[in-house]
Amino acid sequence: MDLVEISPNADPPVCKIIDYKKFVYEQKKREKILKAKSSQVVVKEIRFGPQTDEHDYEFKRKNAEKFLKEGAKLKAFVFFKGRSIIYKDQGQILLLRLATDLEEFGKVEAMPVLEGKRMIMFIAPKKKK
């Protein structure tokens, strides 16, 4: 048996006479259970070009829908190559269209923002009831 300090910040400090190895084992077990209950946030990416065709858009929209149903966050971005940066408005329209199409599966966390050569938008999945 060992004298184990349970809460050192209390006034007076709390100690117990217990088996220290058993105490450490139970503490690790509790931490493992808490870690198993917590969920990791997965971020999936979908890339568009400023002049993405209708068929390609529909294909990527279906994938985005699937990702949101699985519970993953979605990072949709339009990548501007070279001189295509002059089509910023087309990229923004494309991302806003995606947001309206996926409205029933997720909500927009961040509106389209231009960062360098990318226009990025985040969509989080809706909570299941």
N, C-alpha and C. Protein backbone atom coordinates (compact mmCIF):
# COMPACT_ATOMS: atom_id res chain seq x y z
N MET A 1 0.85 -1.18 0.00
CA MET A 1 0.00 0.00 0.00
C MET A 1 0.89 1.25 0.00
N ASP A 2 0.39 2.29 -0.68
CA ASP A 2 1.15 3.53 -0.80
C ASP A 2 0.27 4.71 -0.40
N LEU A 3 0.89 5.80 0.00
CA LEU A 3 0.19 7.05 0.28
C LEU A 3 0.23 7.87 -1.01
N VAL A 4 -0.94 8.08 -1.64
CA VAL A 4 -1.02 8.75 -2.94
C VAL A 4 -1.74 10.08 -2.77
N GLU A 5 -1.11 11.15 -3.29
CA GLU A 5 -1.71 12.49 -3.25
C GLU A 5 -2.73 12.58 -4.39
N ILE A 6 -4.01 12.70 -4.07
CA ILE A 6 -5.07 12.71 -5.06
C ILE A 6 -5.27 14.11 -5.65
N SER A 7 -5.43 15.12 -4.79
CA SER A 7 -5.59 16.48 -5.31
C SER A 7 -4.70 17.44 -4.52
N PRO A 8 -3.55 17.81 -5.12
CA PRO A 8 -2.57 18.64 -4.43
C PRO A 8 -3.01 20.10 -4.26
N ASN A 9 -3.94 20.58 -5.09
CA ASN A 9 -4.35 21.99 -5.04
C ASN A 9 -5.41 22.27 -3.98
N ALA A 10 -6.01 21.22 -3.41
CA ALA A 10 -7.05 21.43 -2.40
C ALA A 10 -6.41 21.94 -1.11
N ASP A 11 -7.24 22.51 -0.24
CA ASP A 11 -6.74 23.03 1.04
C ASP A 11 -7.47 22.37 2.18
N PRO A 12 -6.95 21.45 2.90
CA PRO A 12 -5.63 20.81 2.84
C PRO A 12 -5.57 19.79 1.69
N PRO A 13 -4.33 19.45 1.21
CA PRO A 13 -4.19 18.45 0.13
C PRO A 13 -4.80 17.11 0.51
N VAL A 14 -5.42 16.44 -0.50
CA VAL A 14 -6.11 15.17 -0.25
C VAL A 14 -5.18 14.02 -0.61
N CYS A 15 -5.04 13.06 0.33
CA CYS A 15 -4.22 11.87 0.12
C CYS A 15 -5.04 10.63 0.47
N LYS A 16 -4.68 9.50 -0.17
CA LYS A 16 -5.34 8.22 0.11
C LYS A 16 -4.28 7.14 0.27
N ILE A 17 -4.62 6.15 1.02
CA ILE A 17 -3.74 4.99 1.12
C ILE A 17 -4.33 3.92 0.19
N ILE A 18 -3.65 3.74 -0.95
CA ILE A 18 -4.12 2.78 -1.96
C ILE A 18 -2.92 2.12 -2.62
N ASP A 19 -3.20 1.11 -3.47
CA ASP A 19 -2.16 0.47 -4.27
C ASP A 19 -1.86 1.38 -5.46
N TYR A 20 -0.64 1.94 -5.50
CA TYR A 20 -0.29 2.94 -6.51
C TYR A 20 -0.36 2.39 -7.93
N LYS A 21 0.10 1.17 -8.15
CA LYS A 21 0.08 0.59 -9.49
C LYS A 21 -1.35 0.44 -10.00
N LYS A 22 -2.24 0.05 -9.12
CA LYS A 22 -3.66 -0.08 -9.50
C LYS A 22 -4.24 1.29 -9.83
N PHE A 23 -3.86 2.30 -9.04
CA PHE A 23 -4.32 3.68 -9.27
C PHE A 23 -3.88 4.17 -10.65
N VAL A 24 -2.62 3.97 -11.00
CA VAL A 24 -2.09 4.39 -12.31
C VAL A 24 -2.79 3.64 -13.43
N TYR A 25 -3.02 2.33 -13.24
CA TYR A 25 -3.70 1.52 -14.25
C TYR A 25 -5.11 2.05 -14.51
N GLU A 26 -5.86 2.34 -13.45
CA GLU A 26 -7.23 2.85 -13.61
C GLU A 26 -7.25 4.22 -14.27
N GLN A 27 -6.26 5.05 -13.94
CA GLN A 27 -6.16 6.38 -14.55
C GLN A 27 -5.92 6.27 -16.07
N LYS A 28 -5.02 5.39 -16.46
CA LYS A 28 -4.74 5.17 -17.89
C LYS A 28 -5.98 4.63 -18.60
N LYS A 29 -6.69 3.75 -17.93
CA LYS A 29 -7.90 3.16 -18.49
C LYS A 29 -8.95 4.24 -18.75
N ARG A 30 -9.13 5.16 -17.77
CA ARG A 30 -10.09 6.27 -17.93
C ARG A 30 -9.70 7.17 -19.11
N GLU A 31 -8.40 7.49 -19.21
CA GLU A 31 -7.92 8.34 -20.31
C GLU A 31 -8.15 7.68 -21.66
N LYS A 32 -7.95 6.36 -21.73
CA LYS A 32 -8.14 5.61 -22.98
C LYS A 32 -9.61 5.65 -23.41
N ILE A 33 -10.52 5.50 -22.44
CA ILE A 33 -11.96 5.56 -22.74
C ILE A 33 -12.35 6.94 -23.24
N LEU A 34 -11.83 7.99 -22.60
CA LEU A 34 -12.13 9.37 -23.03
C LEU A 34 -11.60 9.63 -24.44
N LYS A 35 -10.40 9.10 -24.73
CA LYS A 35 -9.82 9.28 -26.05
C LYS A 35 -10.64 8.57 -27.12
N ALA A 36 -11.16 7.40 -26.79
CA ALA A 36 -11.97 6.63 -27.75
C ALA A 36 -13.28 7.33 -28.05
N LYS A 37 -13.84 8.03 -27.06
CA LYS A 37 -15.12 8.72 -27.26
C LYS A 37 -14.97 9.99 -28.09
N SER A 38 -13.80 10.63 -28.03
CA SER A 38 -13.61 11.86 -28.80
C SER A 38 -13.46 11.52 -30.28
N SER A 39 -13.96 12.39 -31.15
CA SER A 39 -13.92 12.11 -32.58
C SER A 39 -12.97 13.07 -33.28
N GLN A 40 -12.28 12.57 -34.28
CA GLN A 40 -11.36 13.37 -35.07
C GLN A 40 -12.13 14.05 -36.19
N VAL A 41 -11.79 15.29 -36.48
CA VAL A 41 -12.42 16.00 -37.57
C VAL A 41 -11.62 15.74 -38.84
N VAL A 42 -12.29 15.18 -39.84
CA VAL A 42 -11.64 14.89 -41.12
C VAL A 42 -12.00 16.00 -42.09
N VAL A 43 -11.00 16.52 -42.79
CA VAL A 43 -11.24 17.56 -43.79
C VAL A 43 -10.95 16.99 -45.17
N LYS A 44 -11.98 16.96 -46.01
CA LYS A 44 -11.82 16.48 -47.39
C LYS A 44 -11.76 17.70 -48.30
N GLU A 45 -10.97 17.59 -49.37
CA GLU A 45 -10.81 18.71 -50.29
C GLU A 45 -11.39 18.39 -51.66
N ILE A 46 -11.99 19.41 -52.26
CA ILE A 46 -12.47 19.29 -53.64
C ILE A 46 -11.94 20.50 -54.41
N ARG A 47 -11.32 20.23 -55.53
CA ARG A 47 -10.66 21.29 -56.30
C ARG A 47 -11.42 21.54 -57.60
N PHE A 48 -11.65 22.79 -57.88
CA PHE A 48 -12.29 23.21 -59.13
C PHE A 48 -11.35 24.14 -59.88
N GLY A 49 -11.61 24.27 -61.17
CA GLY A 49 -10.97 25.31 -61.96
C GLY A 49 -12.00 26.40 -62.19
N PRO A 50 -11.60 27.60 -62.59
CA PRO A 50 -12.58 28.67 -62.78
C PRO A 50 -13.60 28.37 -63.88
N GLN A 51 -13.22 27.55 -64.88
CA GLN A 51 -14.14 27.20 -65.95
C GLN A 51 -14.47 25.71 -65.93
N THR A 52 -14.82 25.20 -64.74
CA THR A 52 -15.18 23.80 -64.60
C THR A 52 -16.46 23.52 -65.36
N ASP A 53 -16.45 22.46 -66.15
CA ASP A 53 -17.60 22.10 -66.98
C ASP A 53 -18.73 21.53 -66.12
N GLU A 54 -19.94 21.49 -66.69
CA GLU A 54 -21.13 21.05 -65.95
C GLU A 54 -21.01 19.62 -65.43
N HIS A 55 -20.55 18.70 -66.29
CA HIS A 55 -20.44 17.30 -65.89
C HIS A 55 -19.43 17.14 -64.75
N ASP A 56 -18.29 17.81 -64.87
CA ASP A 56 -17.27 17.74 -63.82
C ASP A 56 -17.81 18.31 -62.51
N TYR A 57 -18.54 19.41 -62.62
CA TYR A 57 -19.13 20.04 -61.43
C TYR A 57 -20.08 19.06 -60.73
N GLU A 58 -20.96 18.41 -61.51
CA GLU A 58 -21.93 17.47 -60.93
C GLU A 58 -21.22 16.29 -60.25
N PHE A 59 -20.17 15.79 -60.89
CA PHE A 59 -19.41 14.67 -60.33
C PHE A 59 -18.79 15.06 -58.98
N LYS A 60 -18.18 16.25 -58.94
CA LYS A 60 -17.54 16.72 -57.71
C LYS A 60 -18.57 17.07 -56.64
N ARG A 61 -19.73 17.55 -57.05
CA ARG A 61 -20.81 17.87 -56.10
C ARG A 61 -21.30 16.60 -55.42
N LYS A 62 -21.43 15.51 -56.20
CA LYS A 62 -21.86 14.23 -55.63
C LYS A 62 -20.84 13.72 -54.62
N ASN A 63 -19.55 13.86 -54.93
CA ASN A 63 -18.51 13.46 -53.99
C ASN A 63 -18.57 14.30 -52.72
N ALA A 64 -18.79 15.60 -52.88
CA ALA A 64 -18.89 16.50 -51.72
C ALA A 64 -20.07 16.10 -50.85
N GLU A 65 -21.19 15.76 -51.49
CA GLU A 65 -22.39 15.31 -50.78
C GLU A 65 -22.07 14.06 -49.96
N LYS A 66 -21.34 13.13 -50.56
CA LYS A 66 -20.97 11.88 -49.88
C LYS A 66 -20.07 12.16 -48.68
N PHE A 67 -19.11 13.09 -48.84
CA PHE A 67 -18.20 13.44 -47.75
C PHE A 67 -18.97 14.04 -46.58
N LEU A 68 -19.93 14.93 -46.88
CA LEU A 68 -20.70 15.56 -45.82
C LEU A 68 -21.61 14.55 -45.11
N LYS A 69 -22.15 13.59 -45.86
CA LYS A 69 -22.99 12.56 -45.23
C LYS A 69 -22.17 11.69 -44.29
N GLU A 70 -20.88 11.48 -44.62
CA GLU A 70 -19.99 10.69 -43.77
C GLU A 70 -19.58 11.46 -42.52
N GLY A 71 -19.83 12.78 -42.50
CA GLY A 71 -19.49 13.58 -41.32
C GLY A 71 -18.17 14.33 -41.43
N ALA A 72 -17.58 14.37 -42.61
CA ALA A 72 -16.31 15.07 -42.78
C ALA A 72 -16.57 16.53 -43.17
N LYS A 73 -15.65 17.41 -42.78
CA LYS A 73 -15.73 18.81 -43.23
C LYS A 73 -15.27 18.85 -44.68
N LEU A 74 -15.72 19.85 -45.39
CA LEU A 74 -15.38 19.97 -46.80
C LEU A 74 -14.65 21.28 -47.05
N LYS A 75 -13.53 21.18 -47.74
CA LYS A 75 -12.77 22.36 -48.14
C LYS A 75 -12.84 22.41 -49.66
N ALA A 76 -13.68 23.28 -50.18
CA ALA A 76 -13.82 23.42 -51.63
C ALA A 76 -13.00 24.62 -52.07
N PHE A 77 -12.22 24.45 -53.12
CA PHE A 77 -11.44 25.60 -53.60
C PHE A 77 -11.33 25.62 -55.11
N VAL A 78 -11.23 26.83 -55.61
CA VAL A 78 -11.01 27.05 -57.04
C VAL A 78 -9.56 27.46 -57.18
N PHE A 79 -8.82 26.75 -58.02
CA PHE A 79 -7.40 27.03 -58.22
C PHE A 79 -7.23 27.79 -59.52
N PHE A 80 -6.62 28.96 -59.43
CA PHE A 80 -6.40 29.81 -60.60
C PHE A 80 -4.97 29.64 -61.09
N LYS A 81 -4.82 29.18 -62.35
CA LYS A 81 -3.49 28.99 -62.95
C LYS A 81 -3.19 30.16 -63.86
N GLY A 82 -2.00 30.68 -63.75
CA GLY A 82 -1.54 31.72 -64.68
C GLY A 82 -2.46 32.91 -64.76
N ARG A 83 -2.95 33.19 -65.99
CA ARG A 83 -3.78 34.37 -66.21
C ARG A 83 -5.25 34.13 -65.87
N SER A 84 -5.61 32.93 -65.47
CA SER A 84 -7.01 32.65 -65.15
C SER A 84 -7.46 33.39 -63.89
N ILE A 85 -6.55 34.08 -63.22
CA ILE A 85 -6.89 34.85 -62.02
C ILE A 85 -7.88 35.98 -62.36
N ILE A 86 -7.98 36.31 -63.64
CA ILE A 86 -8.94 37.37 -64.03
C ILE A 86 -10.39 36.88 -63.92
N TYR A 87 -10.59 35.56 -63.73
CA TYR A 87 -11.94 35.01 -63.60
C TYR A 87 -12.33 34.77 -62.14
N LYS A 88 -11.92 35.67 -61.25
CA LYS A 88 -12.23 35.54 -59.82
C LYS A 88 -13.73 35.44 -59.59
N ASP A 89 -14.49 36.26 -60.34
CA ASP A 89 -15.95 36.28 -60.16
C ASP A 89 -16.57 34.93 -60.54
N GLN A 90 -16.04 34.27 -61.59
CA GLN A 90 -16.55 32.95 -61.98
C GLN A 90 -16.27 31.91 -60.89
N GLY A 91 -15.09 32.01 -60.28
CA GLY A 91 -14.74 31.10 -59.19
C GLY A 91 -15.66 31.29 -58.00
N GLN A 92 -15.94 32.54 -57.68
CA GLN A 92 -16.82 32.81 -56.54
C GLN A 92 -18.24 32.32 -56.83
N ILE A 93 -18.73 32.53 -58.03
CA ILE A 93 -20.06 32.06 -58.43
C ILE A 93 -20.13 30.54 -58.32
N LEU A 94 -19.07 29.86 -58.76
CA LEU A 94 -19.01 28.40 -58.70
C LEU A 94 -19.09 27.89 -57.26
N LEU A 95 -18.34 28.51 -56.36
CA LEU A 95 -18.35 28.09 -54.95
C LEU A 95 -19.69 28.39 -54.28
N LEU A 96 -20.28 29.53 -54.60
CA LEU A 96 -21.58 29.87 -54.01
C LEU A 96 -22.67 28.92 -54.53
N ARG A 97 -22.54 28.52 -55.80
CA ARG A 97 -23.48 27.55 -56.37
C ARG A 97 -23.36 26.21 -55.65
N LEU A 98 -22.12 25.80 -55.37
CA LEU A 98 -21.88 24.57 -54.62
C LEU A 98 -22.51 24.67 -53.23
N ALA A 99 -22.37 25.81 -52.60
CA ALA A 99 -22.92 26.01 -51.25
C ALA A 99 -24.44 25.88 -51.27
N THR A 100 -25.10 26.44 -52.27
CA THR A 100 -26.56 26.34 -52.35
C THR A 100 -27.00 24.91 -52.68
N ASP A 101 -26.22 24.20 -53.50
CA ASP A 101 -26.56 22.82 -53.84
C ASP A 101 -26.41 21.88 -52.64
N LEU A 102 -25.46 22.19 -51.75
CA LEU A 102 -25.19 21.33 -50.59
C LEU A 102 -25.85 21.85 -49.31
N GLU A 103 -26.78 22.78 -49.45
CA GLU A 103 -27.41 23.42 -48.30
C GLU A 103 -28.09 22.44 -47.35
N GLU A 104 -28.69 21.37 -47.90
CA GLU A 104 -29.40 20.42 -47.03
C GLU A 104 -28.47 19.44 -46.33
N PHE A 105 -27.22 19.33 -46.78
CA PHE A 105 -26.27 18.39 -46.19
C PHE A 105 -25.28 19.07 -45.25
N GLY A 106 -25.02 20.35 -45.45
CA GLY A 106 -24.05 21.06 -44.61
C GLY A 106 -24.27 22.55 -44.66
N LYS A 107 -23.60 23.24 -43.74
CA LYS A 107 -23.72 24.70 -43.73
C LYS A 107 -22.35 25.32 -43.97
N VAL A 108 -22.35 26.49 -44.58
CA VAL A 108 -21.12 27.17 -44.93
C VAL A 108 -20.49 27.74 -43.66
N GLU A 109 -19.25 27.35 -43.40
CA GLU A 109 -18.52 27.88 -42.24
C GLU A 109 -17.81 29.17 -42.59
N ALA A 110 -17.22 29.21 -43.77
CA ALA A 110 -16.50 30.39 -44.22
C ALA A 110 -16.85 30.65 -45.69
N MET A 111 -17.25 31.87 -45.97
CA MET A 111 -17.58 32.25 -47.34
C MET A 111 -16.31 32.24 -48.20
N PRO A 112 -16.45 32.20 -49.54
CA PRO A 112 -15.27 32.15 -50.41
C PRO A 112 -14.32 33.32 -50.18
N VAL A 113 -13.05 32.98 -49.95
CA VAL A 113 -12.02 33.99 -49.71
C VAL A 113 -10.83 33.68 -50.62
N LEU A 114 -10.30 34.69 -51.25
CA LEU A 114 -9.16 34.52 -52.15
C LEU A 114 -7.87 34.55 -51.34
N GLU A 115 -7.10 33.47 -51.38
CA GLU A 115 -5.81 33.39 -50.71
C GLU A 115 -4.77 33.01 -51.75
N GLY A 116 -4.04 33.97 -52.22
CA GLY A 116 -3.03 33.72 -53.25
C GLY A 116 -3.70 33.33 -54.55
N LYS A 117 -3.44 32.12 -55.04
CA LYS A 117 -4.04 31.64 -56.29
C LYS A 117 -5.25 30.76 -56.04
N ARG A 118 -5.70 30.67 -54.79
CA ARG A 118 -6.84 29.82 -54.45
C ARG A 118 -7.97 30.64 -53.85
N MET A 119 -9.19 30.28 -54.21
CA MET A 119 -10.37 30.84 -53.56
C MET A 119 -10.97 29.68 -52.76
N ILE A 120 -10.98 29.83 -51.42
CA ILE A 120 -11.33 28.72 -50.52
C ILE A 120 -12.64 28.98 -49.80
N MET A 121 -13.40 27.89 -49.61
CA MET A 121 -14.65 27.93 -48.85
C MET A 121 -14.75 26.64 -48.03
N PHE A 122 -15.18 26.76 -46.76
CA PHE A 122 -15.35 25.60 -45.89
C PHE A 122 -16.82 25.33 -45.66
N ILE A 123 -17.19 24.04 -45.70
CA ILE A 123 -18.57 23.61 -45.42
C ILE A 123 -18.51 22.53 -44.35
N ALA A 124 -19.29 22.71 -43.27
CA ALA A 124 -19.33 21.74 -42.19
C ALA A 124 -20.61 20.91 -42.32
N PRO A 125 -20.57 19.63 -41.98
CA PRO A 125 -21.77 18.80 -42.07
C PRO A 125 -22.81 19.22 -41.04
N LYS A 126 -24.09 19.03 -41.40
CA LYS A 126 -25.17 19.32 -40.43
C LYS A 126 -25.22 18.18 -39.43
N LYS A 127 -25.59 18.52 -38.21
CA LYS A 127 -25.68 17.52 -37.14
C LYS A 127 -26.88 16.61 -37.39
N LYS A 128 -26.69 15.31 -37.12
CA LYS A 128 -27.77 14.35 -37.28
C LYS A 128 -28.65 14.37 -36.06
N LYS A 129 -29.96 14.27 -36.28
CA LYS A 129 -30.91 14.31 -35.16
C LYS A 129 -31.25 12.92 -34.69
